[in-house]
Structure formats: structure tokens, C-alpha cells
PDB file of N, CA and C in Angstrom:
ATOM      1  N   UNK A   1    -171.497-139.255 -29.939  1.00  0.00           N
ATOM      2  CA  UNK A   1    -171.895-138.026 -30.551  1.00  0.00           C
ATOM      3  C   UNK A   1    -170.640-137.322 -31.080  1.00  0.00           C
ATOM      4  N   UNK A   2    -170.716-136.801 -32.294  1.00  0.00           N
ATOM      5  CA  UNK A   2    -169.585-136.094 -32.867  1.00  0.00           C
ATOM      6  C   UNK A   2    -169.855-134.596 -32.839  1.00  0.00           C
ATOM      7  N   UNK A   3    -168.789-133.855 -32.682  1.00  0.00           N
ATOM      8  CA  UNK A   3    -168.904-132.405 -32.689  1.00  0.00           C
ATOM      9  C   UNK A   3    -169.019-131.909 -34.119  1.00  0.00           C
ATOM     10  N   UNK A   4    -169.765-130.856 -34.308  1.00  0.00           N
ATOM     11  CA  UNK A   4    -169.871-130.238 -35.618  1.00  0.00           C
ATOM     12  C   UNK A   4    -168.554-129.551 -35.945  1.00  0.00           C
ATOM     13  N   UNK A   5    -168.190-129.592 -37.201  1.00  0.00           N
ATOM     14  CA  UNK A   5    -166.985-128.896 -37.638  1.00  0.00           C
ATOM     15  C   UNK A   5    -167.206-127.391 -37.539  1.00  0.00           C
ATOM     16  N   UNK A   6    -166.165-126.653 -37.195  1.00  0.00           N
ATOM     17  CA  UNK A   6    -166.316-125.200 -37.130  1.00  0.00           C
ATOM     18  C   UNK A   6    -166.607-124.638 -38.523  1.00  0.00           C
ATOM     19  N   UNK A   7    -167.394-123.569 -38.559  1.00  0.00           N
ATOM     20  CA  UNK A   7    -167.667-122.954 -39.850  1.00  0.00           C
ATOM     21  C   UNK A   7    -166.510-122.022 -40.222  1.00  0.00           C
ATOM     22  N   UNK A   8    -166.547-121.537 -41.466  1.00  0.00           N
ATOM     23  CA  UNK A   8    -165.458-120.703 -41.973  1.00  0.00           C
ATOM     24  C   UNK A   8    -165.241-119.464 -41.119  1.00  0.00           C
ATOM     25  N   UNK A   9    -166.327-118.874 -40.658  1.00  0.00           N
ATOM     26  CA  UNK A   9    -166.214-117.664 -39.838  1.00  0.00           C
ATOM     27  C   UNK A   9    -165.473-117.946 -38.540  1.00  0.00           C
ATOM     28  N   UNK A  10    -165.784-119.048 -37.900  1.00  0.00           N
ATOM     29  CA  UNK A  10    -165.106-119.410 -36.653  1.00  0.00           C
ATOM     30  C   UNK A  10    -163.619-119.653 -36.893  1.00  0.00           C
ATOM     31  N   UNK A  11    -163.288-120.266 -38.016  1.00  0.00           N
ATOM     32  CA  UNK A  11    -161.887-120.512 -38.354  1.00  0.00           C
ATOM     33  C   UNK A  11    -161.150-119.182 -38.515  1.00  0.00           C
ATOM     34  N   UNK A  12    -161.750-118.260 -39.262  1.00  0.00           N
ATOM     35  CA  UNK A  12    -161.120-116.951 -39.491  1.00  0.00           C
ATOM     36  C   UNK A  12    -160.971-116.198 -38.171  1.00  0.00           C
ATOM     37  N   UNK A  13    -162.009-116.167 -37.352  1.00  0.00           N
ATOM     38  CA  UNK A  13    -161.939-115.465 -36.071  1.00  0.00           C
ATOM     39  C   UNK A  13    -160.858-116.051 -35.166  1.00  0.00           C
ATOM     40  N   UNK A  14    -160.725-117.368 -35.160  1.00  0.00           N
ATOM     41  CA  UNK A  14    -159.698-118.027 -34.352  1.00  0.00           C
ATOM     42  C   UNK A  14    -158.303-117.609 -34.806  1.00  0.00           C
ATOM     43  N   UNK A  15    -158.093-117.582 -36.103  1.00  0.00           N
ATOM     44  CA  UNK A  15    -156.789-117.196 -36.652  1.00  0.00           C
ATOM     45  C   UNK A  15    -156.464-115.743 -36.328  1.00  0.00           C
ATOM     46  N   UNK A  16    -157.427-114.859 -36.512  1.00  0.00           N
ATOM     47  CA  UNK A  16    -157.206-113.432 -36.239  1.00  0.00           C
ATOM     48  C   UNK A  16    -156.894-113.214 -34.762  1.00  0.00           C
ATOM     49  N   UNK A  17    -157.638-113.846 -33.883  1.00  0.00           N
ATOM     50  CA  UNK A  17    -157.411-113.688 -32.444  1.00  0.00           C
ATOM     51  C   UNK A  17    -156.007-114.159 -32.054  1.00  0.00           C
ATOM     52  N   UNK A  18    -155.578-115.278 -32.603  1.00  0.00           N
ATOM     53  CA  UNK A  18    -154.244-115.791 -32.275  1.00  0.00           C
ATOM     54  C   UNK A  18    -153.157-114.848 -32.780  1.00  0.00           C
ATOM     55  N   UNK A  19    -153.331-114.331 -33.989  1.00  0.00           N
ATOM     56  CA  UNK A  19    -152.345-113.403 -34.546  1.00  0.00           C
ATOM     57  C   UNK A  19    -152.287-112.117 -33.733  1.00  0.00           C
ATOM     58  N   UNK A  20    -153.446-111.568 -33.403  1.00  0.00           N
ATOM     59  CA  UNK A  20    -153.483-110.342 -32.592  1.00  0.00           C
ATOM     60  C   UNK A  20    -152.808-110.556 -31.245  1.00  0.00           C
ATOM     61  N   UNK A  21    -153.044-111.701 -30.661  1.00  0.00           N
ATOM     62  CA  UNK A  21    -152.456-111.998 -29.348  1.00  0.00           C
ATOM     63  C   UNK A  21    -150.931-111.955 -29.406  1.00  0.00           C
ATOM     64  N   UNK A  22    -150.359-112.513 -30.468  1.00  0.00           N
ATOM     65  CA  UNK A  22    -148.899-112.495 -30.600  1.00  0.00           C
ATOM     66  C   UNK A  22    -148.399-111.064 -30.781  1.00  0.00           C
ATOM     67  N   UNK A  23    -149.009-110.315 -31.685  1.00  0.00           N
ATOM     68  CA  UNK A  23    -148.559-108.945 -31.942  1.00  0.00           C
ATOM     69  C   UNK A  23    -148.678-108.101 -30.678  1.00  0.00           C
ATOM     70  N   UNK A  24    -149.803-108.199 -29.995  1.00  0.00           N
ATOM     71  CA  UNK A  24    -150.009-107.379 -28.801  1.00  0.00           C
ATOM     72  C   UNK A  24    -149.201-107.859 -27.598  1.00  0.00           C
ATOM     73  N   UNK A  25    -148.669-109.073 -27.665  1.00  0.00           N
ATOM     74  CA  UNK A  25    -147.777-109.527 -26.598  1.00  0.00           C
ATOM     75  C   UNK A  25    -146.364-108.963 -26.797  1.00  0.00           C
ATOM     76  N   UNK A  26    -146.067-108.526 -28.007  1.00  0.00           N
ATOM     77  CA  UNK A  26    -144.734-107.993 -28.312  1.00  0.00           C
ATOM     78  C   UNK A  26    -144.701-106.459 -28.320  1.00  0.00           C
ATOM     79  N   UNK A  27    -145.831-105.847 -28.617  1.00  0.00           N
ATOM     80  CA  UNK A  27    -145.893-104.389 -28.724  1.00  0.00           C
ATOM     81  C   UNK A  27    -147.080-103.850 -27.948  1.00  0.00           C
ATOM     82  N   UNK A  28    -146.890-102.678 -27.362  1.00  0.00           N
ATOM     83  CA  UNK A  28    -148.039-101.972 -26.800  1.00  0.00           C
ATOM     84  C   UNK A  28    -148.769-101.304 -27.973  1.00  0.00           C
ATOM     85  N   UNK A  29    -150.018-100.976 -27.766  1.00  0.00           N
ATOM     86  CA  UNK A  29    -150.789-100.322 -28.836  1.00  0.00           C
ATOM     87  C   UNK A  29    -150.142 -99.009 -29.265  1.00  0.00           C
ATOM     88  N   UNK A  30    -149.507 -98.311 -28.341  1.00  0.00           N
ATOM     89  CA  UNK A  30    -148.883 -97.033 -28.695  1.00  0.00           C
ATOM     90  C   UNK A  30    -147.649 -97.216 -29.585  1.00  0.00           C
ATOM     91  N   UNK A  31    -147.011 -98.377 -29.536  1.00  0.00           N
ATOM     92  CA  UNK A  31    -145.851 -98.641 -30.385  1.00  0.00           C
ATOM     93  C   UNK A  31    -146.252 -99.031 -31.814  1.00  0.00           C
ATOM     94  N   UNK A  32    -147.445 -99.532 -31.984  1.00  0.00           N
ATOM     95  CA  UNK A  32    -147.903 -99.975 -33.301  1.00  0.00           C
ATOM     96  C   UNK A  32    -148.302 -98.772 -34.145  1.00  0.00           C
ATOM     97  N   UNK A  33    -147.586 -98.589 -35.235  1.00  0.00           N
ATOM     98  CA  UNK A  33    -147.957 -97.526 -36.172  1.00  0.00           C
ATOM     99  C   UNK A  33    -149.046 -98.025 -37.109  1.00  0.00           C
ATOM    100  N   UNK A  34    -149.002 -99.309 -37.452  1.00  0.00           N
ATOM    101  CA  UNK A  34    -150.006 -99.905 -38.333  1.00  0.00           C
ATOM    102  C   UNK A  34    -149.962-101.415 -38.166  1.00  0.00           C
ATOM    103  N   UNK A  35    -151.125-102.023 -38.268  1.00  0.00           N
ATOM    104  CA  UNK A  35    -151.230-103.477 -38.251  1.00  0.00           C
ATOM    105  C   UNK A  35    -152.379-103.869 -39.160  1.00  0.00           C
ATOM    106  N   UNK A  36    -152.145-104.864 -39.973  1.00  0.00           N
ATOM    107  CA  UNK A  36    -153.185-105.365 -40.860  1.00  0.00           C
ATOM    108  C   UNK A  36    -153.118-106.888 -40.821  1.00  0.00           C
ATOM    109  N   UNK A  37    -154.211-107.503 -40.426  1.00  0.00           N
ATOM    110  CA  UNK A  37    -154.287-108.964 -40.371  1.00  0.00           C
ATOM    111  C   UNK A  37    -155.379-109.394 -41.334  1.00  0.00           C
ATOM    112  N   UNK A  38    -154.978-110.069 -42.389  1.00  0.00           N
ATOM    113  CA  UNK A  38    -155.929-110.574 -43.371  1.00  0.00           C
ATOM    114  C   UNK A  38    -155.961-112.089 -43.327  1.00  0.00           C
ATOM    115  N   UNK A  39    -157.135-112.636 -43.121  1.00  0.00           N
ATOM    116  CA  UNK A  39    -157.294-114.087 -43.033  1.00  0.00           C
ATOM    117  C   UNK A  39    -158.489-114.497 -43.876  1.00  0.00           C
ATOM    118  N   UNK A  40    -158.307-115.558 -44.647  1.00  0.00           N
ATOM    119  CA  UNK A  40    -159.449-116.143 -45.359  1.00  0.00           C
ATOM    120  C   UNK A  40    -159.356-117.660 -45.230  1.00  0.00           C
ATOM    121  N   UNK A  41    -160.503-118.292 -45.306  1.00  0.00           N
ATOM    122  CA  UNK A  41    -160.582-119.748 -45.236  1.00  0.00           C
ATOM    123  C   UNK A  41    -161.651-120.191 -46.222  1.00  0.00           C
ATOM    124  N   UNK A  42    -161.197-120.728 -47.337  1.00  0.00           N
ATOM    125  CA  UNK A  42    -162.107-121.155 -48.391  1.00  0.00           C
ATOM    126  C   UNK A  42    -161.706-122.535 -48.878  1.00  0.00           C
ATOM    127  N   UNK A  43    -162.682-123.378 -49.031  1.00  0.00           N
ATOM    128  CA  UNK A  43    -162.458-124.743 -49.539  1.00  0.00           C
ATOM    129  C   UNK A  43    -161.381-125.470 -48.738  1.00  0.00           C
ATOM    130  N   UNK A  44    -161.375-125.243 -47.412  1.00  0.00           N
ATOM    131  CA  UNK A  44    -160.421-125.922 -46.547  1.00  0.00           C
ATOM    132  C   UNK A  44    -159.015-125.368 -46.602  1.00  0.00           C
ATOM    133  N   UNK A  45    -158.846-124.236 -47.264  1.00  0.00           N
ATOM    134  CA  UNK A  45    -157.511-123.643 -47.391  1.00  0.00           C
ATOM    135  C   UNK A  45    -157.447-122.330 -46.616  1.00  0.00           C
ATOM    136  N   UNK A  46    -156.458-122.236 -45.740  1.00  0.00           N
ATOM    137  CA  UNK A  46    -156.265-121.056 -44.906  1.00  0.00           C
ATOM    138  C   UNK A  46    -155.220-120.145 -45.537  1.00  0.00           C
ATOM    139  N   UNK A  47    -155.542-118.874 -45.619  1.00  0.00           N
ATOM    140  CA  UNK A  47    -154.600-117.863 -46.099  1.00  0.00           C
ATOM    141  C   UNK A  47    -154.458-116.807 -45.008  1.00  0.00           C
ATOM    142  N   UNK A  48    -153.211-116.541 -44.619  1.00  0.00           N
ATOM    143  CA  UNK A  48    -152.935-115.566 -43.564  1.00  0.00           C
ATOM    144  C   UNK A  48    -151.915-114.564 -44.093  1.00  0.00           C
ATOM    145  N   UNK A  49    -152.241-113.285 -44.008  1.00  0.00           N
ATOM    146  CA  UNK A  49    -151.340-112.221 -44.438  1.00  0.00           C
ATOM    147  C   UNK A  49    -151.325-111.171 -43.333  1.00  0.00           C
ATOM    148  N   UNK A  50    -150.134-110.904 -42.805  1.00  0.00           N
ATOM    149  CA  UNK A  50    -150.024-109.984 -41.677  1.00  0.00           C
ATOM    150  C   UNK A  50    -148.957-108.939 -41.980  1.00  0.00           C
ATOM    151  N   UNK A  51    -149.319-107.691 -41.733  1.00  0.00           N
ATOM    152  CA  UNK A  51    -148.395-106.566 -41.876  1.00  0.00           C
ATOM    153  C   UNK A  51    -148.341-105.837 -40.540  1.00  0.00           C
ATOM    154  N   UNK A  52    -147.123-105.593 -40.068  1.00  0.00           N
ATOM    155  CA  UNK A  52    -146.922-104.864 -38.820  1.00  0.00           C
ATOM    156  C   UNK A  52    -145.912-103.746 -39.078  1.00  0.00           C
ATOM    157  N   UNK A  53    -146.280-102.529 -38.702  1.00  0.00           N
ATOM    158  CA  UNK A  53    -145.361-101.397 -38.766  1.00  0.00           C
ATOM    159  C   UNK A  53    -145.136-100.932 -37.330  1.00  0.00           C
ATOM    160  N   UNK A  54    -143.954-101.254 -36.821  1.00  0.00           N
ATOM    161  CA  UNK A  54    -143.602-100.948 -35.442  1.00  0.00           C
ATOM    162  C   UNK A  54    -142.081-101.015 -35.316  1.00  0.00           C
ATOM    163  N   UNK A  55    -141.543-100.510 -34.209  1.00  0.00           N
ATOM    164  CA  UNK A  55    -140.087-100.576 -34.022  1.00  0.00           C
ATOM    165  C   UNK A  55    -139.614-102.012 -33.835  1.00  0.00           C
ATOM    166  N   UNK A  56    -138.297-102.185 -33.942  1.00  0.00           N
ATOM    167  CA  UNK A  56    -137.727-103.515 -33.732  1.00  0.00           C
ATOM    168  C   UNK A  56    -137.750-104.332 -35.002  1.00  0.00           C
ATOM    169  N   UNK A  57    -138.214-105.567 -34.899  1.00  0.00           N
ATOM    170  CA  UNK A  57    -138.251-106.484 -36.037  1.00  0.00           C
ATOM    171  C   UNK A  57    -139.701-106.874 -36.335  1.00  0.00           C
ATOM    172  N   UNK A  58    -140.457-105.967 -36.945  1.00  0.00           N
ATOM    173  CA  UNK A  58    -141.873-106.253 -37.181  1.00  0.00           C
ATOM    174  C   UNK A  58    -142.104-107.418 -38.142  1.00  0.00           C
ATOM    175  N   UNK A  59    -141.156-107.673 -39.050  1.00  0.00           N
ATOM    176  CA  UNK A  59    -141.324-108.806 -39.967  1.00  0.00           C
ATOM    177  C   UNK A  59    -141.316-110.131 -39.207  1.00  0.00           C
ATOM    178  N   UNK A  60    -140.436-110.242 -38.222  1.00  0.00           N
ATOM    179  CA  UNK A  60    -140.391-111.471 -37.420  1.00  0.00           C
ATOM    180  C   UNK A  60    -141.659-111.623 -36.602  1.00  0.00           C
ATOM    181  N   UNK A  61    -142.144-110.516 -36.048  1.00  0.00           N
ATOM    182  CA  UNK A  61    -143.385-110.560 -35.273  1.00  0.00           C
ATOM    183  C   UNK A  61    -144.544-110.975 -36.183  1.00  0.00           C
ATOM    184  N   UNK A  62    -144.592-110.433 -37.394  1.00  0.00           N
ATOM    185  CA  UNK A  62    -145.645-110.810 -38.346  1.00  0.00           C
ATOM    186  C   UNK A  62    -145.559-112.294 -38.687  1.00  0.00           C
ATOM    187  N   UNK A  63    -144.347-112.795 -38.899  1.00  0.00           N
ATOM    188  CA  UNK A  63    -144.172-114.225 -39.189  1.00  0.00           C
ATOM    189  C   UNK A  63    -144.610-115.082 -38.007  1.00  0.00           C
ATOM    190  N   UNK A  64    -144.223-114.683 -36.804  1.00  0.00           N
ATOM    191  CA  UNK A  64    -144.628-115.423 -35.600  1.00  0.00           C
ATOM    192  C   UNK A  64    -146.153-115.406 -35.441  1.00  0.00           C
ATOM    193  N   UNK A  65    -146.760-114.259 -35.729  1.00  0.00           N
ATOM    194  CA  UNK A  65    -148.217-114.142 -35.622  1.00  0.00           C
ATOM    195  C   UNK A  65    -148.913-115.041 -36.640  1.00  0.00           C
ATOM    196  N   UNK A  66    -148.368-115.112 -37.847  1.00  0.00           N
ATOM    197  CA  UNK A  66    -148.947-115.975 -38.878  1.00  0.00           C
ATOM    198  C   UNK A  66    -148.842-117.447 -38.471  1.00  0.00           C
ATOM    199  N   UNK A  67    -147.701-117.822 -37.908  1.00  0.00           N
ATOM    200  CA  UNK A  67    -147.542-119.208 -37.432  1.00  0.00           C
ATOM    201  C   UNK A  67    -148.523-119.517 -36.307  1.00  0.00           C
ATOM    202  N   UNK A  68    -148.709-118.555 -35.412  1.00  0.00           N
ATOM    203  CA  UNK A  68    -149.666-118.754 -34.312  1.00  0.00           C
ATOM    204  C   UNK A  68    -151.082-118.901 -34.856  1.00  0.00           C
ATOM    205  N   UNK A  69    -151.423-118.105 -35.855  1.00  0.00           N
ATOM    206  CA  UNK A  69    -152.754-118.187 -36.466  1.00  0.00           C
ATOM    207  C   UNK A  69    -152.977-119.565 -37.082  1.00  0.00           C
ATOM    208  N   UNK A  70    -151.986-120.044 -37.815  1.00  0.00           N
ATOM    209  CA  UNK A  70    -152.106-121.379 -38.439  1.00  0.00           C
ATOM    210  C   UNK A  70    -152.202-122.474 -37.380  1.00  0.00           C
ATOM    211  N   UNK A  71    -151.394-122.337 -36.326  1.00  0.00           N
ATOM    212  CA  UNK A  71    -151.427-123.328 -35.246  1.00  0.00           C
ATOM    213  C   UNK A  71    -152.767-123.357 -34.535  1.00  0.00           C
ATOM    214  N   UNK A  72    -153.332-122.181 -34.303  1.00  0.00           N
ATOM    215  CA  UNK A  72    -154.641-122.115 -33.635  1.00  0.00           C
ATOM    216  C   UNK A  72    -155.721-122.765 -34.489  1.00  0.00           C
ATOM    217  N   UNK A  73    -155.646-122.555 -35.792  1.00  0.00           N
ATOM    218  CA  UNK A  73    -156.628-123.176 -36.687  1.00  0.00           C
ATOM    219  C   UNK A  73    -156.420-124.688 -36.735  1.00  0.00           C
ATOM    220  N   UNK A  74    -155.172-125.134 -36.768  1.00  0.00           N
ATOM    221  CA  UNK A  74    -154.907-126.576 -36.731  1.00  0.00           C
ATOM    222  C   UNK A  74    -155.510-127.191 -35.479  1.00  0.00           C
ATOM    223  N   UNK A  75    -155.335-126.513 -34.336  1.00  0.00           N
ATOM    224  CA  UNK A  75    -155.903-127.009 -33.081  1.00  0.00           C
ATOM    225  C   UNK A  75    -157.422-127.032 -33.149  1.00  0.00           C
ATOM    226  N   UNK A  76    -158.007-125.986 -33.705  1.00  0.00           N
ATOM    227  CA  UNK A  76    -159.460-125.914 -33.824  1.00  0.00           C
ATOM    228  C   UNK A  76    -160.006-127.043 -34.693  1.00  0.00           C
ATOM    229  N   UNK A  77    -159.298-127.302 -35.786  1.00  0.00           N
ATOM    230  CA  UNK A  77    -159.741-128.342 -36.717  1.00  0.00           C
ATOM    231  C   UNK A  77    -159.232-129.728 -36.322  1.00  0.00           C
ATOM    232  N   UNK A  78    -158.432-129.768 -35.240  1.00  0.00           N
ATOM    233  CA  UNK A  78    -157.867-131.022 -34.734  1.00  0.00           C
ATOM    234  C   UNK A  78    -157.056-131.732 -35.809  1.00  0.00           C
ATOM    235  N   UNK A  79    -156.180-130.944 -36.458  1.00  0.00           N
ATOM    236  CA  UNK A  79    -155.336-131.482 -37.538  1.00  0.00           C
ATOM    237  C   UNK A  79    -154.085-132.067 -36.949  1.00  0.00           C
TER     238      UNK A  79
END
């Protein structure tokens, strides 16, 4: 028996959850001035855009979160 492939919504939710987990592991909610996680999955193509406004190095945290999102989707799709 083969497992059904995840639908687009499941892929997007997986990516968002992974990205949020990284951001929230680095910052408390009170430190976050703004966070925007945009994810789309169309025609087998994943797009991840993350903006973090917080102290320290938010660009690095956003990059790490995007990598985590892509990795989680790769794991989900067994790539």
C-alpha cells in the first residue's frame, strides 16, 4: 500500500510551522516587533518568504527559518 501524497495545504502548513518554530526558538514573542511568513506551493514549487523585525540578527533568523521550512517540506515529500 502506498501513502497518498500530501496536498498543497499540508505542504504549506508544514513549512509555516517549521519556520515559526525556528523564529520562536530564537525570540520570545515580546521581542518580536513584526514577523511575516509567506509560503506558497504550486505546481510542485515551494516559495518561502520570511520577514522578521526583532533585535539581534533578524535576517539570519529569517534565513534559518526559510531553510527549516524547506527542509521540513523535503522530509514531508520524502525528497
